[in-house]
Amino acid sequence: MFPSAAETLRDPDNTRARIRRVVAQTPFTGLHLHDFRHYVAGVLDDAGLTAREIADYLGHERTSTTQEDYM
């Protein structure tokens, strides 16, 4: 979900730690990395993408996962 400058996937632990450090410097307590997935799904839904397109973007095999948990 978060590509590196080399266009490879970033290490999830490094990404999670970095985001935690950034969030700690903001007034947004309780914000987690997974919250960004929900935000992105909402933006894509508002933009008119289908459940299948959003599921593909989020890496969900089943559209039901996307529809039940993200839309």
PDB file of N, CA and C in Angstrom:
ATOM      1  N   MET A   1       0.813  -1.191   0.000  1.00  0.00           N
ATOM      2  CA  MET A   1       0.000   0.000   0.000  1.00  0.00           C
ATOM      3  C   MET A   1       0.858   1.256   0.000  1.00  0.00           C
ATOM      4  N   PHE A   2       2.046   1.162   0.566  1.00  0.00           N
ATOM      5  CA  PHE A   2       2.937   2.318   0.632  1.00  0.00           C
ATOM      6  C   PHE A   2       4.230   1.986  -0.113  1.00  0.00           C
ATOM      7  N   PRO A   3       4.298   2.293  -1.406  1.00  0.00           N
ATOM      8  CA  PRO A   3       5.511   1.971  -2.162  1.00  0.00           C
ATOM      9  C   PRO A   3       6.679   2.860  -1.758  1.00  0.00           C
ATOM     10  N   SER A   4       7.866   2.305  -1.913  1.00  0.00           N
ATOM     11  CA  SER A   4       9.079   3.065  -1.616  1.00  0.00           C
ATOM     12  C   SER A   4       9.510   3.838  -2.856  1.00  0.00           C
ATOM     13  N   ALA A   5      10.561   4.618  -2.706  1.00  0.00           N
ATOM     14  CA  ALA A   5      11.101   5.367  -3.845  1.00  0.00           C
ATOM     15  C   ALA A   5      11.592   4.414  -4.933  1.00  0.00           C
ATOM     16  N   ALA A   6      11.984   3.201  -4.528  1.00  0.00           N
ATOM     17  CA  ALA A   6      12.455   2.198  -5.478  1.00  0.00           C
ATOM     18  C   ALA A   6      11.297   1.407  -6.090  1.00  0.00           C
ATOM     19  N   GLU A   7      10.063   1.841  -5.799  1.00  0.00           N
ATOM     20  CA  GLU A   7       8.847   1.217  -6.307  1.00  0.00           C
ATOM     21  C   GLU A   7       8.673  -0.221  -5.833  1.00  0.00           C
ATOM     22  N   THR A   8       9.169  -0.503  -4.632  1.00  0.00           N
ATOM     23  CA  THR A   8       8.920  -1.773  -3.968  1.00  0.00           C
ATOM     24  C   THR A   8       8.066  -1.476  -2.744  1.00  0.00           C
ATOM     25  N   LEU A   9       7.482  -2.505  -2.160  1.00  0.00           N
ATOM     26  CA  LEU A   9       6.681  -2.285  -0.961  1.00  0.00           C
ATOM     27  C   LEU A   9       7.591  -2.029   0.232  1.00  0.00           C
ATOM     28  N   ARG A  10       7.200  -1.090   1.057  1.00  0.00           N
ATOM     29  CA  ARG A  10       7.960  -0.795   2.267  1.00  0.00           C
ATOM     30  C   ARG A  10       7.738  -1.903   3.292  1.00  0.00           C
ATOM     31  N   ASP A  11       8.705  -2.054   4.178  1.00  0.00           N
ATOM     32  CA  ASP A  11       8.566  -2.999   5.275  1.00  0.00           C
ATOM     33  C   ASP A  11       7.427  -2.515   6.177  1.00  0.00           C
ATOM     34  N   PRO A  12       6.428  -3.350   6.436  1.00  0.00           N
ATOM     35  CA  PRO A  12       5.277  -2.906   7.238  1.00  0.00           C
ATOM     36  C   PRO A  12       5.659  -2.417   8.636  1.00  0.00           C
ATOM     37  N   ASP A  13       6.630  -3.057   9.274  1.00  0.00           N
ATOM     38  CA  ASP A  13       7.037  -2.633  10.619  1.00  0.00           C
ATOM     39  C   ASP A  13       7.668  -1.247  10.591  1.00  0.00           C
ATOM     40  N   ASN A  14       8.499  -0.990   9.597  1.00  0.00           N
ATOM     41  CA  ASN A  14       9.122   0.333   9.478  1.00  0.00           C
ATOM     42  C   ASN A  14       8.072   1.401   9.176  1.00  0.00           C
ATOM     43  N   THR A  15       7.146   1.077   8.298  1.00  0.00           N
ATOM     44  CA  THR A  15       6.084   2.025   7.949  1.00  0.00           C
ATOM     45  C   THR A  15       5.224   2.333   9.165  1.00  0.00           C
ATOM     46  N   ARG A  16       4.848   1.292   9.888  1.00  0.00           N
ATOM     47  CA  ARG A  16       4.017   1.459  11.084  1.00  0.00           C
ATOM     48  C   ARG A  16       4.730   2.327  12.123  1.00  0.00           C
ATOM     49  N   ALA A  17       6.006   2.063  12.362  1.00  0.00           N
ATOM     50  CA  ALA A  17       6.773   2.837  13.345  1.00  0.00           C
ATOM     51  C   ALA A  17       6.896   4.298  12.919  1.00  0.00           C
ATOM     52  N   ARG A  18       7.138   4.518  11.656  1.00  0.00           N
ATOM     53  CA  ARG A  18       7.279   5.894  11.170  1.00  0.00           C
ATOM     54  C   ARG A  18       5.968   6.668  11.306  1.00  0.00           C
ATOM     55  N   ILE A  19       4.871   6.032  10.958  1.00  0.00           N
ATOM     56  CA  ILE A  19       3.576   6.702  11.065  1.00  0.00           C
ATOM     57  C   ILE A  19       3.239   6.970  12.525  1.00  0.00           C
ATOM     58  N   ARG A  20       3.560   6.037  13.408  1.00  0.00           N
ATOM     59  CA  ARG A  20       3.321   6.272  14.842  1.00  0.00           C
ATOM     60  C   ARG A  20       4.086   7.495  15.332  1.00  0.00           C
ATOM     61  N   ARG A  21       5.329   7.634  14.897  1.00  0.00           N
ATOM     62  CA  ARG A  21       6.130   8.797  15.310  1.00  0.00           C
ATOM     63  C   ARG A  21       5.511  10.092  14.802  1.00  0.00           C
ATOM     64  N   VAL A  22       5.055  10.096  13.566  1.00  0.00           N
ATOM     65  CA  VAL A  22       4.445  11.297  12.990  1.00  0.00           C
ATOM     66  C   VAL A  22       3.135  11.621  13.705  1.00  0.00           C
ATOM     67  N   VAL A  23       2.296  10.614  13.911  1.00  0.00           N
ATOM     68  CA  VAL A  23       1.005  10.831  14.571  1.00  0.00           C
ATOM     69  C   VAL A  23       1.210  11.327  15.997  1.00  0.00           C
ATOM     70  N   ALA A  24       2.250  10.852  16.666  1.00  0.00           N
ATOM     71  CA  ALA A  24       2.529  11.277  18.045  1.00  0.00           C
ATOM     72  C   ALA A  24       2.795  12.777  18.135  1.00  0.00           C
ATOM     73  N   GLN A  25       3.171  13.394  17.038  1.00  0.00           N
ATOM     74  CA  GLN A  25       3.463  14.827  17.014  1.00  0.00           C
ATOM     75  C   GLN A  25       2.231  15.658  16.650  1.00  0.00           C
ATOM     76  N   THR A  26       1.084  15.009  16.530  1.00  0.00           N
ATOM     77  CA  THR A  26      -0.153  15.701  16.158  1.00  0.00           C
ATOM     78  C   THR A  26      -1.167  15.595  17.295  1.00  0.00           C
ATOM     79  N   PRO A  27      -2.245  16.357  17.210  1.00  0.00           N
ATOM     80  CA  PRO A  27      -3.295  16.236  18.231  1.00  0.00           C
ATOM     81  C   PRO A  27      -4.232  15.044  18.001  1.00  0.00           C
ATOM     82  N   PHE A  28      -3.971  14.232  16.995  1.00  0.00           N
ATOM     83  CA  PHE A  28      -4.856  13.121  16.645  1.00  0.00           C
ATOM     84  C   PHE A  28      -4.485  11.860  17.417  1.00  0.00           C
ATOM     85  N   THR A  29      -4.905  11.788  18.664  1.00  0.00           N
ATOM     86  CA  THR A  29      -4.604  10.608  19.466  1.00  0.00           C
ATOM     87  C   THR A  29      -5.487   9.448  19.019  1.00  0.00           C
ATOM     88  N   GLY A  30      -4.960   8.269  19.100  1.00  0.00           N
ATOM     89  CA  GLY A  30      -5.730   7.082  18.743  1.00  0.00           C
ATOM     90  C   GLY A  30      -5.812   6.796  17.258  1.00  0.00           C
ATOM     91  N   LEU A  31      -5.077   7.527  16.442  1.00  0.00           N
ATOM     92  CA  LEU A  31      -5.076   7.290  15.001  1.00  0.00           C
ATOM     93  C   LEU A  31      -4.131   6.131  14.696  1.00  0.00           C
ATOM     94  N   HIS A  32      -4.599   5.184  13.900  1.00  0.00           N
ATOM     95  CA  HIS A  32      -3.803   4.010  13.557  1.00  0.00           C
ATOM     96  C   HIS A  32      -3.624   3.921  12.043  1.00  0.00           C
ATOM     97  N   LEU A  33      -2.624   3.177  11.644  1.00  0.00           N
ATOM     98  CA  LEU A  33      -2.328   3.006  10.225  1.00  0.00           C
ATOM     99  C   LEU A  33      -3.549   2.480   9.471  1.00  0.00           C
ATOM    100  N   HIS A  34      -4.280   1.569  10.074  1.00  0.00           N
ATOM    101  CA  HIS A  34      -5.437   0.982   9.397  1.00  0.00           C
ATOM    102  C   HIS A  34      -6.521   2.021   9.115  1.00  0.00           C
ATOM    103  N   ASP A  35      -6.544   3.089   9.899  1.00  0.00           N
ATOM    104  CA  ASP A  35      -7.527   4.153   9.667  1.00  0.00           C
ATOM    105  C   ASP A  35      -7.353   4.779   8.289  1.00  0.00           C
ATOM    106  N   PHE A  36      -6.133   4.791   7.778  1.00  0.00           N
ATOM    107  CA  PHE A  36      -5.883   5.352   6.451  1.00  0.00           C
ATOM    108  C   PHE A  36      -6.559   4.503   5.371  1.00  0.00           C
ATOM    109  N   ARG A  37      -6.610   3.191   5.569  1.00  0.00           N
ATOM    110  CA  ARG A  37      -7.285   2.314   4.603  1.00  0.00           C
ATOM    111  C   ARG A  37      -8.766   2.665   4.520  1.00  0.00           C
ATOM    112  N   HIS A  38      -9.376   2.892   5.672  1.00  0.00           N
ATOM    113  CA  HIS A  38     -10.791   3.267   5.692  1.00  0.00           C
ATOM    114  C   HIS A  38     -10.997   4.621   5.008  1.00  0.00           C
ATOM    115  N   TYR A  39     -10.085   5.540   5.259  1.00  0.00           N
ATOM    116  CA  TYR A  39     -10.177   6.862   4.631  1.00  0.00           C
ATOM    117  C   TYR A  39     -10.079   6.737   3.104  1.00  0.00           C
ATOM    118  N   VAL A  40      -9.091   5.988   2.645  1.00  0.00           N
ATOM    119  CA  VAL A  40      -8.895   5.814   1.202  1.00  0.00           C
ATOM    120  C   VAL A  40     -10.115   5.141   0.581  1.00  0.00           C
ATOM    121  N   ALA A  41     -10.654   4.133   1.238  1.00  0.00           N
ATOM    122  CA  ALA A  41     -11.845   3.459   0.716  1.00  0.00           C
ATOM    123  C   ALA A  41     -13.004   4.442   0.591  1.00  0.00           C
ATOM    124  N   GLY A  42     -13.164   5.310   1.567  1.00  0.00           N
ATOM    125  CA  GLY A  42     -14.230   6.312   1.514  1.00  0.00           C
ATOM    126  C   GLY A  42     -14.040   7.303   0.385  1.00  0.00           C
ATOM    127  N   VAL A  43     -12.810   7.736   0.187  1.00  0.00           N
ATOM    128  CA  VAL A  43     -12.510   8.675  -0.903  1.00  0.00           C
ATOM    129  C   VAL A  43     -12.800   8.020  -2.254  1.00  0.00           C
ATOM    130  N   LEU A  44     -12.380   6.771  -2.409  1.00  0.00           N
ATOM    131  CA  LEU A  44     -12.622   6.068  -3.669  1.00  0.00           C
ATOM    132  C   LEU A  44     -14.116   5.838  -3.894  1.00  0.00           C
ATOM    133  N   ASP A  45     -14.835   5.517  -2.828  1.00  0.00           N
ATOM    134  CA  ASP A  45     -16.286   5.339  -2.928  1.00  0.00           C
ATOM    135  C   ASP A  45     -16.953   6.651  -3.332  1.00  0.00           C
ATOM    136  N   ASP A  46     -16.556   7.742  -2.697  1.00  0.00           N
ATOM    137  CA  ASP A  46     -17.106   9.062  -3.039  1.00  0.00           C
ATOM    138  C   ASP A  46     -16.790   9.455  -4.481  1.00  0.00           C
ATOM    139  N   ALA A  47     -15.661   8.953  -4.993  1.00  0.00           N
ATOM    140  CA  ALA A  47     -15.258   9.266  -6.367  1.00  0.00           C
ATOM    141  C   ALA A  47     -16.005   8.414  -7.392  1.00  0.00           C
ATOM    142  N   GLY A  48     -16.819   7.470  -6.898  1.00  0.00           N
ATOM    143  CA  GLY A  48     -17.638   6.689  -7.810  1.00  0.00           C
ATOM    144  C   GLY A  48     -17.061   5.362  -8.251  1.00  0.00           C
ATOM    145  N   LEU A  49     -15.966   4.920  -7.639  1.00  0.00           N
ATOM    146  CA  LEU A  49     -15.423   3.619  -8.005  1.00  0.00           C
ATOM    147  C   LEU A  49     -16.358   2.522  -7.524  1.00  0.00           C
ATOM    148  N   THR A  50     -16.343   1.408  -8.224  1.00  0.00           N
ATOM    149  CA  THR A  50     -17.181   0.275  -7.832  1.00  0.00           C
ATOM    150  C   THR A  50     -16.552  -0.439  -6.641  1.00  0.00           C
ATOM    151  N   ALA A  51     -17.361  -1.269  -5.991  1.00  0.00           N
ATOM    152  CA  ALA A  51     -16.849  -2.061  -4.871  1.00  0.00           C
ATOM    153  C   ALA A  51     -15.702  -2.956  -5.334  1.00  0.00           C
ATOM    154  N   ARG A  52     -15.795  -3.504  -6.548  1.00  0.00           N
ATOM    155  CA  ARG A  52     -14.729  -4.363  -7.075  1.00  0.00           C
ATOM    156  C   ARG A  52     -13.433  -3.571  -7.254  1.00  0.00           C
ATOM    157  N   GLU A  53     -13.533  -2.359  -7.787  1.00  0.00           N
ATOM    158  CA  GLU A  53     -12.338  -1.529  -7.986  1.00  0.00           C
ATOM    159  C   GLU A  53     -11.698  -1.165  -6.647  1.00  0.00           C
ATOM    160  N   ILE A  54     -12.524  -0.837  -5.668  1.00  0.00           N
ATOM    161  CA  ILE A  54     -11.993  -0.488  -4.349  1.00  0.00           C
ATOM    162  C   ILE A  54     -11.372  -1.719  -3.700  1.00  0.00           C
ATOM    163  N   ALA A  55     -12.033  -2.866  -3.814  1.00  0.00           N
ATOM    164  CA  ALA A  55     -11.495  -4.114  -3.264  1.00  0.00           C
ATOM    165  C   ALA A  55     -10.137  -4.427  -3.882  1.00  0.00           C
ATOM    166  N   ASP A  56     -10.023  -4.273  -5.183  1.00  0.00           N
ATOM    167  CA  ASP A  56      -8.743  -4.518  -5.858  1.00  0.00           C
ATOM    168  C   ASP A  56      -7.669  -3.572  -5.345  1.00  0.00           C
ATOM    169  N   TYR A  57      -8.014  -2.312  -5.183  1.00  0.00           N
ATOM    170  CA  TYR A  57      -7.051  -1.313  -4.707  1.00  0.00           C
ATOM    171  C   TYR A  57      -6.575  -1.645  -3.299  1.00  0.00           C
ATOM    172  N   LEU A  58      -7.506  -2.106  -2.459  1.00  0.00           N
ATOM    173  CA  LEU A  58      -7.158  -2.425  -1.075  1.00  0.00           C
ATOM    174  C   LEU A  58      -6.561  -3.820  -0.920  1.00  0.00           C
ATOM    175  N   GLY A  59      -6.613  -4.610  -1.993  1.00  0.00           N
ATOM    176  CA  GLY A  59      -6.060  -5.959  -1.934  1.00  0.00           C
ATOM    177  C   GLY A  59      -7.010  -6.987  -1.349  1.00  0.00           C
ATOM    178  N   HIS A  60      -8.307  -6.709  -1.416  1.00  0.00           N
ATOM    179  CA  HIS A  60      -9.304  -7.651  -0.922  1.00  0.00           C
ATOM    180  C   HIS A  60      -9.707  -8.600  -2.038  1.00  0.00           C
ATOM    181  N   GLU A  61      -9.720  -9.871  -1.732  1.00  0.00           N
ATOM    182  CA  GLU A  61     -10.155 -10.857  -2.713  1.00  0.00           C
ATOM    183  C   GLU A  61     -11.669 -10.787  -2.912  1.00  0.00           C
ATOM    184  N   ARG A  62     -12.388 -10.595  -1.803  1.00  0.00           N
ATOM    185  CA  ARG A  62     -13.855 -10.575  -1.852  1.00  0.00           C
ATOM    186  C   ARG A  62     -14.375  -9.146  -1.723  1.00  0.00           C
ATOM    187  N   THR A  63     -15.308  -8.784  -2.579  1.00  0.00           N
ATOM    188  CA  THR A  63     -15.910  -7.452  -2.471  1.00  0.00           C
ATOM    189  C   THR A  63     -16.736  -7.333  -1.196  1.00  0.00           C
ATOM    190  N   SER A  64     -17.204  -8.457  -0.673  1.00  0.00           N
ATOM    191  CA  SER A  64     -17.999  -8.407   0.558  1.00  0.00           C
ATOM    192  C   SER A  64     -17.178  -7.856   1.719  1.00  0.00           C
ATOM    193  N   THR A  65     -15.891  -8.164   1.757  1.00  0.00           N
ATOM    194  CA  THR A  65     -15.019  -7.607   2.798  1.00  0.00           C
ATOM    195  C   THR A  65     -14.995  -6.094   2.686  1.00  0.00           C
ATOM    196  N   THR A  66     -14.836  -5.608   1.484  1.00  0.00           N
ATOM    197  CA  THR A  66     -14.791  -4.164   1.250  1.00  0.00           C
ATOM    198  C   THR A  66     -16.119  -3.515   1.605  1.00  0.00           C
ATOM    199  N   GLN A  67     -17.195  -4.092   1.134  1.00  0.00           N
ATOM    200  CA  GLN A  67     -18.514  -3.498   1.355  1.00  0.00           C
ATOM    201  C   GLN A  67     -18.918  -3.523   2.828  1.00  0.00           C
ATOM    202  N   GLU A  68     -18.631  -4.605   3.527  1.00  0.00           N
ATOM    203  CA  GLU A  68     -19.055  -4.735   4.923  1.00  0.00           C
ATOM    204  C   GLU A  68     -18.171  -3.947   5.885  1.00  0.00           C
ATOM    205  N   ASP A  69     -16.886  -3.867   5.588  1.00  0.00           N
ATOM    206  CA  ASP A  69     -15.945  -3.262   6.538  1.00  0.00           C
ATOM    207  C   ASP A  69     -15.473  -1.863   6.168  1.00  0.00           C
ATOM    208  N   TYR A  70     -15.617  -1.476   4.892  1.00  0.00           N
ATOM    209  CA  TYR A  70     -15.016  -0.220   4.451  1.00  0.00           C
ATOM    210  C   TYR A  70     -15.984   0.758   3.801  1.00  0.00           C
ATOM    211  N   MET A  71     -17.162   0.307   3.418  1.00  0.00           N
ATOM    212  CA  MET A  71     -18.074   1.191   2.699  1.00  0.00           C
ATOM    213  C   MET A  71     -19.339   1.435   3.514  1.00  0.00           C
TER     214      MET A  71
END
